[in-house]
Protein backbone atom coordinates (compact mmCIF):
# COMPACT_ATOMS: atom_id res chain seq x y z
CA MET A 1 -9.84 20.41 7.70
CA ILE A 2 -12.59 22.50 6.13
CA PHE A 3 -15.27 19.81 6.63
CA PRO A 4 -15.62 16.85 9.03
CA VAL A 5 -14.13 13.57 7.81
CA THR A 6 -14.79 10.08 9.15
CA ILE A 7 -12.43 7.30 8.05
CA ASN A 8 -13.42 3.66 8.56
CA GLY A 9 -10.57 1.34 7.66
CA THR A 10 -7.09 2.05 6.37
CA PRO A 11 -6.24 0.22 3.13
CA SER A 12 -2.65 -0.22 2.04
CA ALA A 13 -1.42 1.46 -1.13
CA LEU A 14 1.06 -1.38 -1.66
CA MET A 15 1.00 -5.13 -2.17
CA GLN A 16 4.18 -6.46 -0.60
CA ASN A 17 6.39 -9.48 -1.29
CA VAL A 18 5.26 -10.10 -4.87
CA VAL A 19 7.54 -12.70 -6.47
CA ALA A 20 9.30 -11.37 -9.57
CA GLY A 21 11.86 -13.90 -10.77
CA LYS A 22 14.38 -14.22 -7.96
CA LYS A 23 13.29 -10.95 -6.39
CA THR A 24 10.34 -9.70 -4.39
CA TRP A 25 8.59 -6.52 -5.42
CA PHE A 26 6.26 -3.94 -4.00
CA VAL A 27 3.28 -3.51 -6.33
CA ALA A 28 0.95 -0.52 -6.27
CA GLU A 29 -2.65 -1.29 -5.36
CA GLU A 30 -5.47 -0.36 -7.74
CA ILE A 31 -8.97 -0.70 -6.30
CA PRO A 32 -12.48 0.64 -7.01
CA VAL A 33 -13.26 3.98 -5.38
CA ALA A 34 -16.95 4.89 -5.52
CA PHE A 35 -18.11 8.50 -5.32
CA VAL A 36 -21.46 8.92 -3.60
CA PHE A 37 -23.07 12.35 -3.16
CA ASN A 38 -26.01 12.61 -0.76
CA GLN A 39 -26.68 8.89 -1.27
CA ARG A 40 -26.54 9.22 -5.06
CA ASN A 41 -24.04 6.99 -6.85
CA TYR A 42 -22.01 9.15 -9.22
CA SER A 43 -18.90 7.35 -10.46
CA ILE A 44 -16.41 4.59 -9.76
CA MET A 45 -12.71 5.17 -10.38
CA MET A 46 -9.86 2.68 -10.21
CA ALA A 47 -7.26 4.32 -8.01
CA THR A 48 -4.44 3.83 -5.53
CA PRO A 49 -6.01 3.95 -2.03
CA ASP A 50 -3.85 6.75 -0.68
CA ASP A 51 -4.63 10.42 0.09
CA LEU A 52 -8.31 9.63 -0.32
CA VAL A 53 -9.65 12.86 1.17
CA ASP A 54 -7.53 14.83 -1.28
CA PHE A 55 -8.71 12.56 -4.09
CA GLY A 56 -12.35 12.92 -3.17
CA LEU A 57 -12.25 16.69 -2.96
CA GLY A 58 -10.11 17.16 -6.06
CA PHE A 59 -12.32 14.88 -8.16
CA SER A 60 -15.45 16.66 -6.93
CA LEU A 61 -13.95 20.01 -7.93
CA SER A 62 -12.56 18.97 -11.32
CA GLU A 63 -15.85 17.21 -12.17
CA GLU A 64 -17.61 20.42 -11.09
CA VAL A 65 -19.92 18.57 -8.73
CA ILE A 66 -18.97 21.40 -6.38
CA LYS A 67 -17.42 24.79 -7.05
CA HIS A 68 -15.78 25.32 -3.66
CA PRO A 69 -14.72 23.09 -0.75
CA ASN A 70 -17.21 24.84 1.55
CA GLU A 71 -20.00 23.10 -0.39
CA VAL A 72 -18.89 19.84 1.23
CA LYS A 73 -20.65 19.35 4.56
CA SER A 74 -19.04 16.03 5.47
CA LEU A 75 -17.15 13.06 4.04
CA GLU A 76 -17.13 9.44 5.15
CA VAL A 77 -14.36 7.21 3.79
CA LEU A 78 -15.63 3.64 4.06
CA HIS A 79 -13.25 0.78 3.30
CA SER A 80 -14.51 -2.74 2.54
CA LYS A 81 -13.13 -5.88 0.90
CA LYS A 82 -14.63 -4.79 -2.43
CA GLY A 83 -13.19 -1.28 -2.45
CA ILE A 84 -13.77 2.17 -1.01
CA ASP A 85 -16.85 4.37 -0.81
CA LEU A 86 -16.35 8.12 -0.58
CA LYS A 87 -19.69 9.22 0.85
CA PHE A 88 -20.13 12.97 0.55
CA LYS A 89 -22.80 15.17 1.99
CA ILE A 90 -22.89 18.34 -0.11
CA SER A 91 -25.00 21.50 -0.11
CA MET A 92 -28.57 21.47 -1.42
CA GLU A 93 -27.64 23.85 -4.23
CA ALA A 94 -24.80 21.56 -5.35
CA ILE A 95 -26.94 18.41 -5.23
CA GLU A 96 -29.75 20.06 -7.19
CA LYS A 97 -27.27 20.95 -9.94
CA LEU A 98 -25.91 17.40 -9.85
CA ASP A 99 -29.41 15.95 -10.20
CA ILE A 100 -30.00 18.05 -13.32
CA LYS A 101 -26.66 16.93 -14.74
CA GLN A 102 -27.42 13.28 -14.03
CA ARG A 103 -30.91 13.45 -15.55
CA LYS A 104 -29.43 14.97 -18.71
CA ARG A 105 -26.79 12.27 -18.88
CA ASN A 106 -29.34 9.49 -18.39
CA LEU A 107 -31.77 10.98 -20.92
CA VAL A 108 -29.12 11.24 -23.61
CA GLY A 109 -27.93 7.72 -22.90
CA SER A 110 -31.39 6.23 -23.31
CA ALA A 111 -32.39 8.17 -26.42
CA SER A 112 -29.17 8.27 -28.43
CA CYS A 113 -29.91 5.41 -30.85
CA GLY A 114 -26.81 3.51 -29.83
CA LEU A 115 -24.60 6.56 -29.40
CA CYS A 116 -24.03 5.93 -25.73
CA GLY A 117 -21.95 8.61 -24.10
CA LEU A 118 -23.01 11.29 -26.59
CA GLU A 119 -23.25 13.91 -23.87
CA SER A 120 -19.77 13.01 -22.71
CA SER A 121 -18.41 13.06 -26.26
CA GLU A 122 -19.87 16.49 -26.87
CA SER A 123 -18.30 17.70 -23.64
CA LEU A 124 -14.86 17.01 -25.11
CA TYR A 125 -15.40 19.88 -27.53
CA ARG A 126 -16.89 22.38 -25.13
CA ILE A 127 -14.81 25.52 -24.83
CA LEU A 128 -12.62 25.38 -21.75
CA PRO A 129 -12.53 28.42 -19.46
CA SER A 130 -9.60 30.76 -20.10
CA VAL A 131 -7.16 30.90 -17.21
CA GLY A 132 -5.91 34.37 -18.18
CA LYS A 133 -5.55 36.92 -20.94
CA VAL A 134 -1.79 36.40 -21.23
CA LYS A 135 -0.04 33.02 -21.23
CA MET A 136 2.21 32.37 -18.25
CA LYS A 137 5.93 32.07 -18.91
CA ILE A 138 7.97 30.09 -16.41
CA ASP A 139 11.67 29.99 -15.65
CA THR A 140 12.72 26.81 -17.46
CA ALA A 141 15.89 26.48 -15.37
CA ASN A 142 13.75 26.39 -12.24
CA ALA A 143 11.48 23.82 -13.89
CA GLU A 144 14.50 21.65 -14.64
CA LYS A 145 15.44 21.92 -10.97
CA ALA A 146 11.95 20.79 -9.98
CA ILE A 147 12.09 17.81 -12.34
CA SER A 148 15.42 16.76 -10.82
CA ALA A 149 13.87 16.91 -7.36
CA LEU A 150 10.65 15.13 -8.28
CA HIS A 151 11.92 11.59 -7.65
CA GLU A 152 12.77 12.53 -4.06
CA ASN A 153 9.10 13.37 -3.52
CA GLN A 154 7.77 10.17 -5.13
CA LEU A 155 7.78 7.92 -2.08
CA LEU A 156 5.35 5.38 -3.52
CA ASN A 157 7.08 5.25 -6.88
CA SER A 158 10.45 4.72 -5.21
CA LYS A 159 9.13 1.33 -4.09
CA THR A 160 6.95 0.35 -7.04
CA HIS A 161 8.39 2.21 -10.07
CA SER A 162 4.88 2.14 -11.52
CA VAL A 163 2.87 5.15 -10.36
CA HIS A 164 2.44 8.67 -11.68
CA ALA A 165 3.05 11.88 -9.78
CA ALA A 166 1.51 15.33 -9.91
CA ALA A 167 3.30 18.12 -8.09
CA TRP A 168 2.68 21.79 -7.40
CA VAL A 169 5.78 23.89 -8.03
CA ASN A 170 6.16 27.51 -6.95
CA SER A 171 7.72 30.26 -9.05
CA SER A 172 11.15 29.52 -7.53
CA GLY A 173 11.09 25.92 -8.74
CA GLU A 174 10.39 24.42 -5.31
CA ILE A 175 8.02 21.47 -5.05
CA ILE A 176 5.33 22.31 -2.49
CA ILE A 177 3.03 19.27 -2.71
CA THR A 178 3.27 15.92 -4.47
CA ARG A 179 0.58 13.30 -4.89
CA GLU A 180 0.85 9.85 -6.52
CA ASP A 181 -1.48 7.33 -8.13
CA VAL A 182 -1.53 4.59 -10.75
CA GLY A 183 -3.62 6.97 -12.86
CA ARG A 184 -2.11 10.29 -13.86
CA HIS A 185 -5.52 12.01 -13.77
CA ASN A 186 -6.09 10.59 -10.27
CA ALA A 187 -2.72 11.93 -9.15
CA LEU A 188 -3.74 15.35 -10.43
CA ASP A 189 -7.11 15.17 -8.67
CA LYS A 190 -5.32 14.32 -5.43
CA LEU A 191 -3.02 17.30 -5.95
CA LEU A 192 -5.92 19.65 -6.71
CA GLY A 193 -7.73 18.46 -3.59
CA ALA A 194 -4.67 18.98 -1.40
CA MET A 195 -4.17 22.45 -2.85
CA ALA A 196 -7.80 23.37 -2.18
CA LEU A 197 -7.56 22.19 1.42
CA GLN A 198 -4.44 24.31 1.90
CA SER A 199 -5.92 27.31 0.03
CA ILE A 200 -2.96 27.49 -2.36
CA ASN A 201 -3.14 30.28 -4.93
CA THR A 202 -2.93 28.73 -8.41
CA ALA A 203 -1.60 32.00 -9.86
CA ASN A 204 1.79 31.54 -8.19
CA GLY A 205 3.13 28.34 -9.71
CA TYR A 206 2.45 25.45 -12.06
CA VAL A 207 1.68 21.74 -12.21
CA LEU A 208 4.47 19.23 -12.85
CA MET A 209 3.42 15.82 -14.20
CA SER A 210 5.68 12.76 -14.28
CA SER A 211 3.75 11.53 -17.32
CA ARG A 212 2.66 12.88 -20.67
CA CYS A 213 0.16 15.73 -20.77
CA SER A 214 -3.16 14.36 -22.00
CA TYR A 215 -6.48 16.08 -22.57
CA GLU A 216 -7.91 15.31 -19.12
CA ILE A 217 -4.86 16.89 -17.47
CA VAL A 218 -5.48 20.11 -19.38
CA GLU A 219 -9.22 20.06 -18.71
CA LYS A 220 -8.88 19.51 -14.96
CA SER A 221 -6.18 22.18 -14.76
CA ALA A 222 -8.25 24.72 -16.69
CA LYS A 223 -11.22 24.21 -14.38
CA ARG A 224 -9.01 25.02 -11.39
CA GLY A 225 -7.26 28.02 -12.92
CA ILE A 226 -3.86 26.37 -13.47
CA LYS A 227 -1.89 28.54 -15.91
CA ALA A 228 1.02 26.26 -16.86
CA ILE A 229 1.78 22.55 -16.98
CA VAL A 230 5.21 20.94 -17.21
CA SER A 231 5.22 17.26 -18.20
CA ILE A 232 8.07 14.79 -18.49
CA SER A 233 6.66 13.50 -21.78
CA GLY A 234 5.15 15.62 -24.52
CA PRO A 235 1.45 16.48 -24.84
CA THR A 236 -1.02 14.89 -27.19
CA ALA A 237 -2.21 17.00 -30.12
CA PHE A 238 -5.69 17.28 -28.63
CA ALA A 239 -4.26 18.36 -25.28
CA LEU A 240 -2.21 21.04 -27.04
CA ARG A 241 -5.25 22.37 -28.89
CA LYS A 242 -7.31 22.50 -25.71
CA ALA A 243 -4.45 24.15 -23.80
CA ASN A 244 -4.32 26.88 -26.44
CA GLU A 245 -8.06 27.29 -26.06
CA ALA A 246 -7.72 27.76 -22.29
CA ASN A 247 -4.55 29.87 -22.60
CA ILE A 248 -2.56 27.31 -20.61
CA THR A 249 1.16 27.15 -21.40
CA LEU A 250 2.58 23.66 -21.89
CA TYR A 251 6.19 22.72 -21.29
CA SER A 252 7.91 19.39 -21.74
CA LEU A 253 11.29 17.79 -21.19
CA ASP A 254 13.53 17.50 -24.25
CA LYS A 255 16.49 15.41 -23.13
CA ASN A 256 17.68 17.51 -20.17
CA ARG A 257 16.04 20.79 -21.16
CA VAL A 258 12.54 22.08 -20.48
CA ILE A 259 11.03 23.69 -23.57
CA GLU A 260 7.71 25.35 -24.34
CA ILE A 261 5.40 23.42 -26.66
CA LYS A 262 3.50 25.58 -29.15
CA SER A 263 1.28 25.05 -32.18
């Protein structure tokens, strides 16, 4: 572990023995997870309470609260009946930048004449960083192999049939890491956090999503230098436009074949 972690309480990611007709089901949990940086409340996400250190780090990176894991000095994972607090202590430089960001967000919210979230809306159209001069091309046969193997790596989904997965696949089509959550963007944050903790080079593979490819998937991937995304379902039009902007290659499953999506 790059930074010290304290975990108080171990919540379950599953609700067991839920009555469904004449059967009993496992149901995925979805609880509030609060992000706190140096005692400053930042955000609350509804998420599956699993792989929380990965989630906390990945979210902090994709939100650009921090630029590198070494900016995290410590993390306390505190579980209560109402949810989970992820209490970060981050570097002074990072918290100063966060304070400026928060003041800007609050100022816009209070002076926007009813256009709450204007700063956030404008951020949708900010130019994403380019991940490279040339778009990555992947071996689609290897991607099809990875898709076939994905269900074997979805341990939570095998019980609930209701959670998304994000996986890191190497150039040979082998799944290296898989993370799951009820939210596809949360699953990706968990994956990005796990990759950062393991110092995985994003130039040597691609992200595989069990869901469609939406805008936030492209944005988070661009911020972490991901060059290609394969999704089971097709991308949205906005996601495709933003992927072109960042030079990220999108692939999707068409029946049993993986194909590149272009515009």
